[in-house]
Amino acid sequence: MAELRQRAAVEMEATIDSIGDDLLHNILSRLPALACANAACVNRSWNLIITSLLSLPNLSSALSINPSLQDAVNEAVDKVLSKPVRPQFAIASIGPTFSLQQAHQLITGNLGSRIPIITLISQGIFGCNAVNDEFEEVQWKFIENDEAHPDHGNENHGVLLTVGFFPGLKVSLIPLLSKTQGTQALMIDELVRNIRECSSSVSGSASPVAILLFSDHETDMKPVLQKLDYAFCPETVIVGEGGSQFLYQGEAAVNHCNDTEYSSAAVALSFLRDTGNPPGVGETQFHVVLAPGIAQIGPTYKAVAVKERPRDFSTWLTAKREAQVESLDGLTMLDQIYDEFGGDLYCSALYTGVSKRRKCSIGKERASWIYLQEFHEVLRGDEEYLYVNGVGIRSGDSFQFYLANANATRDSCNNASNNLTCLKRDLDHQNAGRSTSNNVNSKKKSVFGCIMFSCCGRGEFFLQPILDCSPFMENFPGITFSGTFSAAEIARGDLSPYGPVSEEHSSLRCCLHVYSTVYLIMSYTPASPST
């Protein structure tokens, strides 16, 4: 009997081996992540095929709107792990009805403690539904008095889970800490030094390939982004969202939610080029497309009298128009803009885009000049001052008004579509010049995913849902695509997405945006046969 069983096992193994590597590859590629990991232990042939599968670029995302937190997490986790994947990181966005602490525990319990995981409460989510595979958009309704609107709590549930594996890169999670004792201060220099040290140890370069930033609603990200833009090389991509509650886990990162000395003001996912890769590993690249939702209007002004009000985080100022001597109060400036633009201005969000020249340094390094533009929301104007949100404006800074409206939003969406079409065309052109082999697809440079951050206020300008999603979905159908609605959008770059830029403003940098959408696209270039 024992001999018969042994013979049957040998015949079965021979039968499996006889189906060929291509068919076996096809079969194994359909296994869920856990089953795939177990199958890698069967024999050397299976292990090689599964190792190859797990080395491919992968961005997997799933959304669940199940009102049960446990069920929503299970649905999302089961979906993202329904195919072979070896996650390097995970980002989970949840609705405000759910407990952030419980959601984080459930997600880390499913994915383990070895990878960086960020769990946050966002303004809304969109992506592929884990149950029916349909693309869905959910924006939360935040009500100040929940007791007066008990039904809204039932609508504010949902989970979006995104996991990824990016060949050729390592992922590190580094928090931005804030001192809670004495004078509160963001430890920005320490964040920069930690990222530099981590990147240098992995890649030999002090600048990472990309940084994904997530901040809480109380953190002023303007000084943070000033230093990050200054500290890292121009090729480092910096994107993300602000205004979220979050928890995180990382290899050396500790949550400081119950710390009496420090709190976590933001957290950075750093993607580092891994110089220790074995031969044959290709290159993961990031591409950023920004779609602003505000348009420049009116003349240029120069700030004259400036009063900062740190207590209520605002600035009072007077200004004068270029080539004029007379100082203008807030009411006069707004009247000039109203006269030019018309009555619709009263129903739209108005901002000042302030051009700033500042000295910047990290620690004891020698300071250098930086040139940047930052947006400040206009609160009101009277016969004394123009009142704007935020601080950091100085006398002599020049500014223009920017208006958020439907035309600017739709135009930026169309421009984003054109930019993504150009990216697709460029990839096709590069692929046409690459050498071919028997397996042509394995040699093509391709887009494998996109994460989008969109302002929660842009939707009011659209007459149809998911309009901001269309540029990517139409250009790259079937590719993993998901994202969140946010209160502030981070994207490092210049002012070119806002329209024609004068020579005077060509050196200005802008990292924090309003009423905008940011597309972070990931592509992969396989290693050449000789590599």
Protein backbone atom coordinates (compact mmCIF):
# COMPACT_ATOMS: atom_id res chain seq x y z
CA MET A 1 0.00 0.00 0.00
CA ALA A 2 2.82 2.36 0.92
CA GLU A 3 4.44 1.63 -2.42
CA LEU A 4 1.21 2.48 -4.27
CA ARG A 5 0.87 5.80 -2.44
CA GLN A 6 4.48 6.70 -3.23
CA ARG A 7 3.98 5.79 -6.90
CA ALA A 8 0.78 7.91 -7.01
CA ALA A 9 2.62 10.89 -5.52
CA VAL A 10 5.43 10.57 -8.06
CA GLU A 11 2.92 10.32 -10.93
CA MET A 12 1.03 13.40 -9.63
CA GLU A 13 4.26 15.42 -9.39
CA ALA A 14 5.21 14.30 -12.88
CA THR A 15 1.76 15.32 -14.16
CA ILE A 16 2.04 18.83 -12.59
CA ASP A 17 5.57 19.30 -13.90
CA SER A 18 4.50 18.23 -17.39
CA ILE A 19 2.04 21.11 -17.84
CA GLY A 20 4.88 23.52 -18.58
CA ASP A 21 6.14 26.68 -16.92
CA ASP A 22 3.85 29.05 -18.85
CA LEU A 23 0.66 27.30 -17.78
CA LEU A 24 1.95 26.81 -14.24
CA HIS A 25 2.82 30.52 -14.12
CA ASN A 26 -0.74 31.32 -15.20
CA ILE A 27 -2.22 29.07 -12.52
CA LEU A 28 -0.04 30.32 -9.68
CA SER A 29 -0.64 33.96 -10.62
CA ARG A 30 -4.34 33.49 -9.79
CA LEU A 31 -3.73 32.31 -6.22
CA PRO A 32 -4.48 34.56 -3.24
CA ALA A 33 -1.42 35.98 -1.50
CA LEU A 34 -1.42 33.52 1.41
CA ALA A 35 -1.98 30.45 -0.78
CA CYS A 36 0.75 31.69 -3.10
CA ALA A 37 3.20 31.97 -0.20
CA ASN A 38 2.36 28.40 0.86
CA ALA A 39 2.72 27.12 -2.71
CA ALA A 40 6.26 28.51 -2.82
CA CYS A 41 7.24 25.77 -0.38
CA VAL A 42 6.12 22.89 -2.67
CA ASN A 43 9.29 22.57 -4.72
CA ARG A 44 12.09 24.60 -6.28
CA SER A 45 10.29 25.07 -9.60
CA TRP A 46 7.21 26.56 -7.93
CA ASN A 47 9.38 28.69 -5.68
CA LEU A 48 11.17 30.23 -8.67
CA ILE A 49 7.91 31.04 -10.45
CA ILE A 50 6.32 32.56 -7.32
CA THR A 51 9.45 34.55 -6.55
CA SER A 52 9.21 35.94 -10.08
CA LEU A 53 5.52 36.80 -9.57
CA LEU A 54 6.19 38.55 -6.28
CA SER A 55 8.99 40.59 -7.86
CA LEU A 56 6.63 42.30 -10.29
CA PRO A 57 5.38 45.86 -9.56
CA ASN A 58 2.06 45.79 -7.78
CA LEU A 59 -0.40 48.35 -6.48
CA SER A 60 -3.53 46.73 -5.11
CA SER A 61 -6.49 48.66 -3.74
CA ALA A 62 -10.04 47.94 -2.58
CA LEU A 63 -12.93 49.90 -1.11
CA SER A 64 -15.71 48.70 1.17
CA ILE A 65 -18.75 50.64 2.36
CA ASN A 66 -19.93 47.94 4.75
CA PRO A 67 -21.36 49.65 7.88
CA SER A 68 -19.54 47.12 10.08
CA LEU A 69 -15.90 48.07 10.66
CA GLN A 70 -14.83 44.44 11.05
CA ASP A 71 -16.61 43.37 7.86
CA ALA A 72 -15.40 46.40 5.89
CA VAL A 73 -11.78 45.72 6.83
CA ASN A 74 -12.15 42.01 6.03
CA GLU A 75 -13.66 42.76 2.61
CA ALA A 76 -10.90 45.22 1.73
CA VAL A 77 -8.09 43.00 3.02
CA ASP A 78 -9.42 39.89 1.26
CA LYS A 79 -9.64 41.80 -2.02
CA VAL A 80 -6.16 43.35 -1.98
CA LEU A 81 -4.68 39.96 -1.03
CA SER A 82 -6.73 38.00 -3.57
CA LYS A 83 -3.73 37.85 -5.91
CA PRO A 84 -0.01 37.31 -5.32
CA VAL A 85 1.47 40.39 -3.62
CA ARG A 86 4.27 41.06 -1.16
CA PRO A 87 3.30 44.40 0.40
CA GLN A 88 6.03 46.88 1.27
CA PHE A 89 3.55 49.37 2.73
CA ALA A 90 -0.15 49.93 3.31
CA ILE A 91 -2.35 53.05 3.47
CA ALA A 92 -5.87 52.78 4.87
CA SER A 93 -8.48 55.56 4.78
CA ILE A 94 -11.63 55.23 6.86
CA GLY A 95 -14.85 57.13 7.47
CA PRO A 96 -15.33 59.28 10.59
CA THR A 97 -18.00 56.93 11.98
CA PHE A 98 -15.37 54.23 12.54
CA SER A 99 -12.90 54.21 15.44
CA LEU A 100 -9.43 55.09 14.18
CA GLN A 101 -7.77 53.03 16.91
CA GLN A 102 -9.88 49.93 16.21
CA ALA A 103 -9.47 50.24 12.45
CA HIS A 104 -5.69 50.53 12.80
CA GLN A 105 -5.55 47.47 15.04
CA LEU A 106 -7.65 45.41 12.63
CA ILE A 107 -5.57 46.39 9.61
CA THR A 108 -2.19 45.86 11.27
CA GLY A 109 -3.49 42.57 12.65
CA ASN A 110 -4.27 41.38 9.11
CA LEU A 111 -1.12 42.71 7.43
CA GLY A 112 1.42 42.16 10.20
CA SER A 113 3.93 44.37 11.95
CA ARG A 114 6.81 44.19 9.48
CA ILE A 115 5.65 46.83 7.00
CA PRO A 116 4.88 50.54 7.37
CA ILE A 117 1.12 51.09 7.73
CA ILE A 118 -0.73 54.40 7.92
CA THR A 119 -4.40 54.52 8.91
CA LEU A 120 -6.19 57.85 8.60
CA ILE A 121 -9.61 59.46 8.66
CA SER A 122 -9.99 61.24 5.33
CA GLN A 123 -12.67 63.49 3.85
CA GLY A 124 -13.80 60.69 1.52
CA ILE A 125 -12.59 57.78 -0.60
CA PHE A 126 -12.86 56.42 -4.13
CA GLY A 127 -11.74 53.23 -5.77
CA CYS A 128 -12.82 49.76 -6.84
CA ASN A 129 -15.52 48.21 -4.64
CA ALA A 130 -14.29 44.97 -3.05
CA VAL A 131 -17.69 43.28 -3.47
CA ASN A 132 -18.85 44.14 -6.98
CA ASP A 133 -15.62 45.46 -8.61
CA GLU A 134 -17.38 48.68 -9.62
CA PHE A 135 -15.65 52.04 -9.29
CA GLU A 136 -17.19 54.02 -6.47
CA GLU A 137 -16.85 57.49 -4.95
CA VAL A 138 -17.81 58.24 -1.33
CA GLN A 139 -17.48 61.67 0.28
CA TRP A 140 -18.20 61.99 3.99
CA LYS A 141 -20.65 64.51 5.40
CA PHE A 142 -18.99 66.21 8.35
CA ILE A 143 -21.62 67.75 10.62
CA GLU A 144 -20.59 69.94 13.56
CA ASN A 145 -23.63 68.89 15.62
CA ASP A 146 -23.94 65.15 15.09
CA GLU A 147 -26.72 64.87 17.68
CA ALA A 148 -28.94 67.14 15.58
CA HIS A 149 -28.32 64.95 12.51
CA PRO A 150 -28.29 61.35 13.80
CA ASP A 151 -28.83 59.84 10.33
CA HIS A 152 -25.58 61.28 8.93
CA GLY A 153 -23.50 58.99 11.15
CA ASN A 154 -24.85 56.02 9.23
CA GLU A 155 -23.55 57.49 5.97
CA ASN A 156 -20.01 58.21 7.15
CA HIS A 157 -18.62 54.69 7.01
CA GLY A 158 -16.22 53.01 4.63
CA VAL A 159 -12.68 51.69 4.25
CA LEU A 160 -10.17 52.11 1.42
CA LEU A 161 -7.07 49.93 1.65
CA THR A 162 -4.08 50.28 -0.66
CA VAL A 163 -0.97 48.07 -0.55
CA GLY A 164 2.01 48.18 -2.83
CA PHE A 165 5.24 46.54 -3.88
CA PHE A 166 7.65 48.73 -5.89
CA PRO A 167 10.64 46.82 -7.33
CA GLY A 168 14.01 48.43 -6.76
CA LEU A 169 12.80 50.53 -3.82
CA LYS A 170 12.70 50.26 -0.06
CA VAL A 171 10.04 52.00 2.01
CA SER A 172 10.65 53.71 5.34
CA LEU A 173 8.19 55.48 7.65
CA ILE A 174 9.43 58.55 9.52
CA PRO A 175 7.20 60.78 11.72
CA LEU A 176 7.37 64.54 12.13
CA LEU A 177 7.28 65.17 15.87
CA SER A 178 6.08 68.25 17.71
CA LYS A 179 7.11 69.18 21.24
CA THR A 180 4.13 69.41 23.56
CA GLN A 181 5.94 70.80 26.59
CA GLY A 182 6.81 74.50 26.84
CA THR A 183 6.85 76.30 23.52
CA GLN A 184 5.37 73.98 20.91
CA ALA A 185 7.66 73.50 17.96
CA LEU A 186 7.68 71.26 14.93
CA MET A 187 10.90 69.25 14.77
CA ILE A 188 11.30 69.79 11.01
CA ASP A 189 15.11 69.70 10.95
CA GLU A 190 15.07 66.34 12.72
CA LEU A 191 12.61 64.99 10.15
CA VAL A 192 14.90 66.09 7.31
CA ARG A 193 17.97 64.61 8.98
CA ASN A 194 16.21 61.30 9.61
CA ILE A 195 15.08 61.04 5.99
CA ARG A 196 18.56 61.94 4.74
CA GLU A 197 20.25 59.37 7.00
CA CYS A 198 17.78 56.65 6.07
CA SER A 199 18.11 57.38 2.35
CA SER A 200 21.93 57.51 2.50
CA SER A 201 22.12 54.16 4.28
CA VAL A 202 20.00 52.46 1.59
CA SER A 203 20.85 54.26 -1.63
CA GLY A 204 24.03 56.23 -0.99
CA SER A 205 22.08 59.41 -1.78
CA ALA A 206 20.69 61.83 0.80
CA SER A 207 17.57 62.37 -1.33
CA PRO A 208 14.84 59.72 -1.58
CA VAL A 209 13.01 58.94 -4.80
CA ALA A 210 9.66 60.05 -3.37
CA ILE A 211 7.97 61.12 -0.14
CA LEU A 212 4.27 60.64 0.68
CA LEU A 213 3.21 63.03 3.45
CA PHE A 214 0.16 62.89 5.70
CA SER A 215 -0.46 65.58 8.31
CA ASP A 216 -3.07 66.28 10.96
CA HIS A 217 -5.56 69.13 10.79
CA GLU A 218 -3.69 71.31 13.30
CA THR A 219 -0.28 71.28 11.60
CA ASP A 220 0.76 74.22 9.43
CA MET A 221 2.52 72.38 6.61
CA LYS A 222 3.88 75.50 4.92
CA PRO A 223 7.17 75.67 6.92
CA VAL A 224 7.52 71.89 6.69
CA LEU A 225 7.23 71.91 2.90
CA GLN A 226 9.57 74.90 2.61
CA LYS A 227 12.36 72.89 4.23
CA LEU A 228 11.61 69.62 2.42
CA ASP A 229 11.66 71.42 -0.94
CA TYR A 230 14.93 73.09 0.04
CA ALA A 231 16.61 69.98 1.47
CA PHE A 232 16.11 67.41 -1.29
CA CYS A 233 17.14 67.28 -4.92
CA PRO A 234 14.62 68.50 -7.54
CA GLU A 235 13.99 64.93 -8.71
CA THR A 236 12.50 63.88 -5.35
CA VAL A 237 8.72 63.66 -5.68
CA ILE A 238 6.77 65.04 -2.70
CA VAL A 239 2.99 64.56 -2.58
CA GLY A 240 0.32 63.87 0.00
CA GLU A 241 -2.59 65.30 1.92
CA GLY A 242 -3.15 67.44 4.99
CA GLY A 243 -5.92 67.75 7.53
CA SER A 244 -6.30 64.11 8.60
CA GLN A 245 -6.29 62.22 11.87
CA PHE A 246 -3.86 59.32 11.58
CA LEU A 247 -2.08 56.44 13.28
CA TYR A 248 0.91 54.57 11.95
CA GLN A 249 3.34 51.73 12.47
CA GLY A 250 6.83 51.36 11.11
CA GLU A 251 9.95 49.34 11.77
CA ALA A 252 11.46 52.05 13.99
CA ALA A 253 8.49 54.42 14.31
CA VAL A 254 6.39 54.73 17.44
CA ASN A 255 2.99 56.41 17.73
CA HIS A 256 3.10 59.33 20.15
CA CYS A 257 -0.67 59.69 20.65
CA ASN A 258 -0.32 59.14 24.43
CA ASP A 259 3.10 60.79 24.82
CA THR A 260 3.25 63.74 27.23
CA GLU A 261 6.42 65.19 25.67
CA TYR A 262 5.90 64.71 21.92
CA SER A 263 3.04 64.33 19.48
CA SER A 264 3.06 63.22 15.84
CA ALA A 265 2.20 66.18 13.60
CA ALA A 266 2.77 64.37 10.30
CA VAL A 267 4.21 61.17 8.92
CA ALA A 268 6.36 60.57 5.84
CA LEU A 269 6.54 57.42 3.71
CA SER A 270 9.95 57.61 2.07
CA PHE A 271 10.68 55.55 -1.04
CA LEU A 272 14.41 54.87 -1.33
CA ARG A 273 16.42 53.52 -4.24
CA ASP A 274 17.84 50.17 -3.11
CA THR A 275 21.42 49.72 -4.30
CA GLY A 276 21.48 46.19 -2.91
CA ASN A 277 19.06 44.78 -5.49
CA PRO A 278 20.00 41.54 -7.25
CA PRO A 279 20.56 41.62 -11.03
CA GLY A 280 17.46 41.80 -13.17
CA VAL A 281 15.45 44.25 -11.04
CA GLY A 282 13.99 47.10 -13.07
CA GLU A 283 13.22 50.70 -12.11
CA THR A 284 10.10 52.12 -10.49
CA GLN A 285 9.39 55.75 -11.35
CA PHE A 286 6.90 58.32 -10.07
CA HIS A 287 5.09 60.91 -12.18
CA VAL A 288 3.03 63.80 -10.78
CA VAL A 289 0.21 65.67 -12.49
CA LEU A 290 -1.40 68.63 -10.71
CA ALA A 291 -4.85 69.99 -11.57
CA PRO A 292 -5.37 73.31 -9.72
CA GLY A 293 -8.88 74.62 -9.10
CA ILE A 294 -8.10 78.30 -8.70
CA ALA A 295 -7.39 80.96 -11.32
CA GLN A 296 -5.44 84.19 -11.06
CA ILE A 297 -7.43 87.44 -11.21
CA GLY A 298 -6.70 91.13 -10.85
CA PRO A 299 -3.45 93.12 -10.62
CA THR A 300 -0.35 92.52 -8.52
CA TYR A 301 -0.20 94.04 -5.04
CA LYS A 302 2.65 94.54 -2.58
CA ALA A 303 2.10 94.15 1.15
CA VAL A 304 2.76 97.33 3.15
CA ALA A 305 1.59 97.06 6.76
CA VAL A 306 1.46 93.48 8.04
CA LYS A 307 0.20 92.32 11.44
CA GLU A 308 0.41 88.65 12.36
CA ARG A 309 -2.16 87.23 14.76
CA PRO A 310 -0.72 83.84 15.83
CA ARG A 311 -3.49 83.35 18.40
CA ASP A 312 -6.17 83.03 15.71
CA PHE A 313 -3.68 82.05 12.96
CA SER A 314 -4.42 85.03 10.72
CA THR A 315 -2.71 88.05 9.17
CA TRP A 316 -4.01 91.62 8.79
CA LEU A 317 -2.48 93.65 5.99
CA THR A 318 -2.67 96.70 3.77
CA ALA A 319 -1.11 96.82 0.31
CA LYS A 320 -0.47 98.98 -2.70
CA ARG A 321 -0.64 98.27 -6.39
CA GLU A 322 2.60 98.18 -8.33
CA ALA A 323 3.81 101.59 -9.49
CA GLN A 324 1.43 103.32 -7.03
CA VAL A 325 2.21 105.03 -3.74
CA GLU A 326 -1.17 104.97 -2.02
CA SER A 327 -1.80 102.13 0.47
CA LEU A 328 -5.08 100.28 0.05
CA ASP A 329 -7.28 98.81 2.74
CA GLY A 330 -9.01 95.46 2.46
CA LEU A 331 -12.37 96.82 1.33
CA THR A 332 -10.78 98.83 -1.49
CA MET A 333 -8.81 95.83 -2.75
CA LEU A 334 -11.86 93.57 -2.72
CA ASP A 335 -13.98 96.23 -4.45
CA GLN A 336 -11.38 96.40 -7.24
CA ILE A 337 -11.54 92.62 -7.66
CA TYR A 338 -15.36 92.63 -7.49
CA ASP A 339 -15.53 95.33 -10.18
CA GLU A 340 -13.27 93.30 -12.47
CA PHE A 341 -14.77 89.87 -11.92
CA GLY A 342 -18.41 90.56 -11.12
CA GLY A 343 -20.94 89.49 -8.52
CA ASP A 344 -20.09 85.77 -8.72
CA LEU A 345 -17.06 86.52 -6.58
CA TYR A 346 -19.25 86.72 -3.48
CA CYS A 347 -20.15 83.04 -3.86
CA SER A 348 -16.62 81.76 -4.52
CA ALA A 349 -13.56 81.00 -2.42
CA LEU A 350 -10.93 83.72 -2.70
CA TYR A 351 -7.21 83.38 -1.96
CA THR A 352 -4.06 85.44 -2.11
CA GLY A 353 -1.06 83.84 -3.81
CA VAL A 354 1.88 85.41 -1.97
CA SER A 355 5.37 85.39 -3.52
CA LYS A 356 8.00 85.02 -0.81
CA ARG A 357 11.79 85.27 -0.72
CA ARG A 358 13.16 83.65 2.41
CA LYS A 359 16.41 82.26 3.82
CA CYS A 360 16.33 78.56 4.63
CA SER A 361 18.73 76.12 6.28
CA ILE A 362 18.76 72.74 8.00
CA GLY A 363 20.39 72.74 11.42
CA LYS A 364 23.71 74.59 11.35
CA GLU A 365 24.08 74.42 7.57
CA ARG A 366 24.71 77.66 5.74
CA ALA A 367 21.43 79.34 4.82
CA SER A 368 20.39 79.89 1.20
CA TRP A 369 17.61 81.89 -0.44
CA ILE A 370 14.44 80.14 -1.50
CA TYR A 371 11.63 81.53 -3.64
CA LEU A 372 8.12 80.25 -3.10
CA GLN A 373 4.45 80.99 -3.52
CA GLU A 374 1.95 80.16 -0.79
CA PHE A 375 -1.82 80.52 -0.77
CA HIS A 376 -3.73 82.24 2.03
CA GLU A 377 -7.52 82.18 2.16
CA VAL A 378 -9.13 85.63 2.22
CA LEU A 379 -11.35 85.89 5.30
CA ARG A 380 -12.77 89.40 4.80
CA GLY A 381 -11.86 93.03 4.24
CA ASP A 382 -12.80 96.31 5.88
CA GLU A 383 -11.75 99.96 5.82
CA GLU A 384 -8.56 99.11 7.72
CA TYR A 385 -7.19 95.74 6.62
CA LEU A 386 -7.44 92.72 4.40
CA TYR A 387 -7.74 89.67 6.66
CA VAL A 388 -6.25 86.36 5.46
CA ASN A 389 -5.77 82.96 7.00
CA GLY A 390 -2.31 81.87 8.10
CA VAL A 391 0.94 83.58 8.99
CA GLY A 392 4.31 84.04 7.32
CA ILE A 393 3.59 87.14 5.18
CA ARG A 394 6.03 90.04 5.36
CA SER A 395 5.98 93.66 4.29
CA GLY A 396 7.23 93.85 0.71
CA ASP A 397 5.87 90.46 -0.35
CA SER A 398 3.93 90.70 -3.61
CA PHE A 399 0.65 88.88 -4.15
CA GLN A 400 -2.25 88.38 -6.51
CA PHE A 401 -5.77 87.18 -5.89
CA TYR A 402 -6.85 83.69 -6.95
CA LEU A 403 -10.45 82.57 -7.32
CA ALA A 404 -11.83 79.04 -7.01
CA ASN A 405 -14.59 78.49 -9.57
CA ALA A 406 -16.09 75.94 -11.94
CA ASN A 407 -14.24 77.15 -15.03
CA ALA A 408 -10.82 76.87 -13.40
CA THR A 409 -11.66 73.42 -12.06
CA ARG A 410 -12.92 72.09 -15.38
CA ASP A 411 -10.00 73.59 -17.31
CA SER A 412 -7.52 72.01 -14.91
CA CYS A 413 -9.26 68.64 -15.30
CA ASN A 414 -8.94 68.89 -19.08
CA ASN A 415 -5.28 69.89 -18.78
CA ALA A 416 -4.65 66.90 -16.50
CA SER A 417 -6.21 64.63 -19.10
CA ASN A 418 -3.92 66.09 -21.77
CA ASN A 419 -0.86 65.65 -19.54
CA LEU A 420 -1.76 62.01 -18.87
CA THR A 421 -2.29 61.45 -22.58
CA CYS A 422 1.21 62.84 -23.18
CA LEU A 423 2.61 60.51 -20.52
CA LYS A 424 0.96 57.54 -22.20
CA ARG A 425 2.30 58.64 -25.59
CA ASP A 426 5.81 59.04 -24.18
CA LEU A 427 5.69 55.53 -22.71
CA ASP A 428 4.53 54.11 -26.03
CA HIS A 429 7.36 55.94 -27.81
CA GLN A 430 9.94 54.59 -25.36
CA ASN A 431 8.58 51.06 -25.71
CA ALA A 432 8.82 51.29 -29.48
CA GLY A 433 12.55 51.86 -29.14
CA ARG A 434 13.20 49.07 -26.66
CA SER A 435 14.65 45.77 -27.75
CA THR A 436 12.15 42.91 -28.12
CA SER A 437 12.28 39.29 -27.05
CA ASN A 438 10.01 36.27 -27.12
CA ASN A 439 8.05 37.71 -24.19
CA VAL A 440 7.48 41.22 -25.52
CA ASN A 441 5.27 42.40 -22.65
CA SER A 442 7.97 41.74 -20.07
CA LYS A 443 10.18 44.34 -21.72
CA LYS A 444 7.68 47.17 -21.88
CA LYS A 445 7.73 50.21 -19.63
CA SER A 446 4.22 50.47 -18.22
CA VAL A 447 2.04 52.30 -15.73
CA PHE A 448 0.86 49.97 -12.96
CA GLY A 449 -1.03 52.27 -10.60
CA CYS A 450 -2.14 55.72 -9.50
CA ILE A 451 -3.02 57.30 -6.15
CA MET A 452 -5.03 60.52 -6.29
CA PHE A 453 -5.55 63.25 -3.69
CA SER A 454 -8.47 65.54 -4.46
CA CYS A 455 -9.81 68.57 -2.60
CA CYS A 456 -13.09 67.81 -0.86
CA GLY A 457 -14.47 71.12 -2.19
CA ARG A 458 -13.93 70.51 -5.89
CA GLY A 459 -17.05 68.38 -6.25
CA GLU A 460 -19.36 71.36 -5.79
CA PHE A 461 -18.12 72.71 -9.14
CA PHE A 462 -18.94 69.52 -11.07
CA LEU A 463 -22.36 68.51 -12.31
CA GLN A 464 -21.34 64.85 -12.50
CA PRO A 465 -19.44 62.55 -10.10
CA ILE A 466 -15.85 61.29 -10.45
CA LEU A 467 -14.97 63.87 -13.12
CA ASP A 468 -11.47 64.21 -11.67
CA CYS A 469 -11.09 60.43 -11.95
CA SER A 470 -11.81 60.42 -15.68
CA PRO A 471 -8.40 61.69 -16.90
CA PHE A 472 -6.59 58.66 -15.49
CA MET A 473 -9.31 56.07 -16.05
CA GLU A 474 -9.72 57.03 -19.71
CA ASN A 475 -5.99 57.00 -20.44
CA PHE A 476 -5.11 53.90 -18.40
CA PRO A 477 -8.22 51.69 -18.22
CA GLY A 478 -7.97 48.64 -15.99
CA ILE A 479 -4.98 49.96 -14.02
CA THR A 480 -5.26 50.16 -10.22
CA PHE A 481 -6.57 53.60 -9.32
CA SER A 482 -7.80 54.91 -5.97
CA GLY A 483 -7.48 57.86 -3.63
CA THR A 484 -8.94 60.17 -1.06
CA PHE A 485 -10.67 63.51 -0.68
CA SER A 486 -8.57 65.85 1.43
CA ALA A 487 -8.55 69.25 3.11
CA ALA A 488 -5.17 70.24 1.63
CA GLU A 489 -3.21 68.82 -1.29
CA ILE A 490 0.57 68.48 -1.32
CA ALA A 491 2.50 68.42 -4.60
CA ARG A 492 6.00 69.76 -5.02
CA GLY A 493 6.54 71.78 -8.18
CA ASP A 494 6.52 75.17 -9.87
CA LEU A 495 3.67 77.44 -10.93
CA SER A 496 3.31 76.15 -14.50
CA PRO A 497 0.05 74.21 -13.79
CA TYR A 498 -1.59 77.54 -12.92
CA GLY A 499 -1.05 78.95 -16.41
CA PRO A 500 1.62 81.01 -18.19
CA VAL A 501 4.42 82.03 -15.82
CA SER A 502 6.37 85.27 -16.18
CA GLU A 503 10.16 85.23 -16.11
CA GLU A 504 9.98 86.97 -12.73
CA HIS A 505 7.98 84.09 -11.25
CA SER A 506 9.67 81.21 -13.09
CA SER A 507 11.81 80.32 -10.06
CA LEU A 508 8.90 80.26 -7.60
CA ARG A 509 8.13 76.93 -5.94
CA CYS A 510 4.70 75.86 -4.73
CA CYS A 511 4.07 72.75 -2.63
CA LEU A 512 0.72 73.23 -0.85
CA HIS A 513 -2.39 73.72 -2.96
CA VAL A 514 -6.10 74.44 -2.56
CA TYR A 515 -9.11 73.21 -4.58
CA SER A 516 -6.72 70.97 -6.49
CA THR A 517 -6.26 67.35 -7.51
CA VAL A 518 -2.91 65.55 -7.43
CA TYR A 519 -2.26 62.40 -9.46
CA LEU A 520 0.69 60.24 -8.35
CA ILE A 521 1.34 57.77 -11.17
CA MET A 522 3.70 54.81 -10.83
CA SER A 523 5.48 53.22 -13.80
CA TYR A 524 7.97 50.39 -14.10
CA THR A 525 10.81 49.84 -16.55
CA PRO A 526 12.08 46.22 -16.66
CA ALA A 527 15.81 45.67 -16.57
CA SER A 528 17.44 45.16 -19.93
CA PRO A 529 18.58 41.58 -20.75
CA SER A 530 22.22 42.53 -20.18
CA THR A 531 21.51 43.88 -16.66
